């Protein structure tokens, strides 16, 4: 499946000093009987000191599950808030 892209807005101070952000996602999982079940998960993103706008953080196989397909990757892209 194609990757899912989301942006994370960070202030200039957050990019300079580094920060830990938590993002709550909702995804669809398949249970043993093949039914789709919604699930929530919290992903922790550690923004390191000095990262710049446009830096990508990838969580592999954290997207929705579909029969016969691997779950998609979720890619977070840093965006600087106006200062």
Foldseek 3Di string as FASTA:
>chain_A
DEEAEDEDEDEPVCQQAKDKDKDKDWAWEQDPVRDTDIDIDIDIDTRHHNDDFQDKDKDQQPHYDDPPDGRHIYIYTYDYDDD
